[in-house]
Amino acid sequence: MSDDLVNVHTFDYRYEAELAKTALEAAGISAVVFSDDGGKQEISLQFVRGAHLMVNPNDAARAKTILKLR
């Protein structure tokens, strides 16, 4: 996976992003979830900032198609 990742979608909840990550990985796309929750000490931060699903730029269009995102 490249160091330059792009945000495919920002989810309201981390579990939604993790489920989407699993779907992408099942399709052969490496993904990572970024959510600032203060090391799980400040979970309320994720509600403000969301959970970001990040992929390699070359996989972004395919990832959006798989997840049916625009």
C-alpha atoms as a PDB file:
ATOM      1  CA  MET A   1       0.000   0.000   0.000  1.00  0.00           C
ATOM      2  CA  SER A   2       1.264   3.436  -0.922  1.00  0.00           C
ATOM      3  CA  ASP A   3       2.071   6.081   1.684  1.00  0.00           C
ATOM      4  CA  ASP A   4      -0.268   8.413  -0.219  1.00  0.00           C
ATOM      5  CA  LEU A   5      -3.764   7.265   0.675  1.00  0.00           C
ATOM      6  CA  VAL A   6      -7.053   8.850  -0.283  1.00  0.00           C
ATOM      7  CA  ASN A   7     -10.284   8.988   1.648  1.00  0.00           C
ATOM      8  CA  VAL A   8     -12.937   6.910  -0.113  1.00  0.00           C
ATOM      9  CA  HIS A   9     -15.676   7.741   2.376  1.00  0.00           C
ATOM     10  CA  THR A  10     -16.172   9.150   5.855  1.00  0.00           C
ATOM     11  CA  PHE A  11     -18.533   7.099   7.973  1.00  0.00           C
ATOM     12  CA  ASP A  12     -20.380   8.263  11.065  1.00  0.00           C
ATOM     13  CA  TYR A  13     -19.368   5.167  13.010  1.00  0.00           C
ATOM     14  CA  ARG A  14     -16.106   3.227  13.076  1.00  0.00           C
ATOM     15  CA  TYR A  15     -17.900  -0.129  12.810  1.00  0.00           C
ATOM     16  CA  GLU A  16     -19.391   0.964   9.459  1.00  0.00           C
ATOM     17  CA  ALA A  17     -15.930   1.809   8.156  1.00  0.00           C
ATOM     18  CA  GLU A  18     -14.562  -1.519   9.419  1.00  0.00           C
ATOM     19  CA  LEU A  19     -17.328  -3.431   7.619  1.00  0.00           C
ATOM     20  CA  ALA A  20     -16.596  -1.543   4.408  1.00  0.00           C
ATOM     21  CA  LYS A  21     -12.880  -2.267   4.852  1.00  0.00           C
ATOM     22  CA  THR A  22     -13.659  -5.975   5.125  1.00  0.00           C
ATOM     23  CA  ALA A  23     -15.683  -5.839   1.898  1.00  0.00           C
ATOM     24  CA  LEU A  24     -12.825  -4.123   0.082  1.00  0.00           C
ATOM     25  CA  GLU A  25     -10.242  -6.565   1.378  1.00  0.00           C
ATOM     26  CA  ALA A  26     -12.442  -9.470   0.226  1.00  0.00           C
ATOM     27  CA  ALA A  27     -12.262  -7.885  -3.248  1.00  0.00           C
ATOM     28  CA  GLY A  28      -8.462  -7.625  -3.063  1.00  0.00           C
ATOM     29  CA  ILE A  29      -8.203  -3.939  -2.179  1.00  0.00           C
ATOM     30  CA  SER A  30      -6.018  -2.977   0.769  1.00  0.00           C
ATOM     31  CA  ALA A  31      -7.694  -0.440   3.030  1.00  0.00           C
ATOM     32  CA  VAL A  32      -7.189   1.209   6.385  1.00  0.00           C
ATOM     33  CA  VAL A  33      -9.600   2.937   8.766  1.00  0.00           C
ATOM     34  CA  PHE A  34      -8.543   6.183  10.406  1.00  0.00           C
ATOM     35  CA  SER A  35     -10.615   7.456  13.301  1.00  0.00           C
ATOM     36  CA  ASP A  36      -9.396   9.942  15.869  1.00  0.00           C
ATOM     37  CA  ASP A  37     -10.875   8.730  19.108  1.00  0.00           C
ATOM     38  CA  GLY A  38      -8.000   9.595  21.413  1.00  0.00           C
ATOM     39  CA  GLY A  39      -6.794   6.032  21.640  1.00  0.00           C
ATOM     40  CA  LYS A  40     -10.328   4.892  22.428  1.00  0.00           C
ATOM     41  CA  GLN A  41     -10.313   7.231  25.429  1.00  0.00           C
ATOM     42  CA  GLU A  42     -12.434   9.915  23.743  1.00  0.00           C
ATOM     43  CA  ILE A  43     -14.860   7.931  21.605  1.00  0.00           C
ATOM     44  CA  SER A  44     -17.097  10.975  21.222  1.00  0.00           C
ATOM     45  CA  LEU A  45     -14.440  12.521  18.938  1.00  0.00           C
ATOM     46  CA  GLN A  46     -15.304   9.993  16.241  1.00  0.00           C
ATOM     47  CA  PHE A  47     -18.838  11.403  16.103  1.00  0.00           C
ATOM     48  CA  VAL A  48     -17.427  14.834  15.302  1.00  0.00           C
ATOM     49  CA  ARG A  49     -14.684  13.778  12.893  1.00  0.00           C
ATOM     50  CA  GLY A  50     -16.008  10.476  11.584  1.00  0.00           C
ATOM     51  CA  ALA A  51     -14.172   7.316  10.578  1.00  0.00           C
ATOM     52  CA  HIS A  52     -12.248   7.614   7.324  1.00  0.00           C
ATOM     53  CA  LEU A  53     -11.836   4.665   4.967  1.00  0.00           C
ATOM     54  CA  MET A  54      -8.528   5.128   3.158  1.00  0.00           C
ATOM     55  CA  VAL A  55      -7.208   3.316   0.073  1.00  0.00           C
ATOM     56  CA  ASN A  56      -4.452   3.603  -2.495  1.00  0.00           C
ATOM     57  CA  PRO A  57      -5.364   6.285  -5.078  1.00  0.00           C
ATOM     58  CA  ASN A  58      -5.251   3.679  -7.864  1.00  0.00           C
ATOM     59  CA  ASP A  59      -7.959   1.663  -6.063  1.00  0.00           C
ATOM     60  CA  ALA A  60     -10.287   4.543  -5.165  1.00  0.00           C
ATOM     61  CA  ALA A  61     -12.666   4.328  -8.128  1.00  0.00           C
ATOM     62  CA  ARG A  62     -13.001   0.551  -7.844  1.00  0.00           C
ATOM     63  CA  ALA A  63     -13.499   0.814  -4.068  1.00  0.00           C
ATOM     64  CA  LYS A  64     -16.332   3.312  -4.537  1.00  0.00           C
ATOM     65  CA  THR A  65     -17.950   1.007  -7.096  1.00  0.00           C
ATOM     66  CA  ILE A  66     -17.726  -1.977  -4.757  1.00  0.00           C
ATOM     67  CA  LEU A  67     -19.205   0.038  -1.888  1.00  0.00           C
ATOM     68  CA  LYS A  68     -21.727   1.703  -4.213  1.00  0.00           C
ATOM     69  CA  LEU A  69     -20.526   5.196  -3.303  1.00  0.00           C
ATOM     70  CA  ARG A  70     -20.486   8.269  -5.526  1.00  0.00           C
END
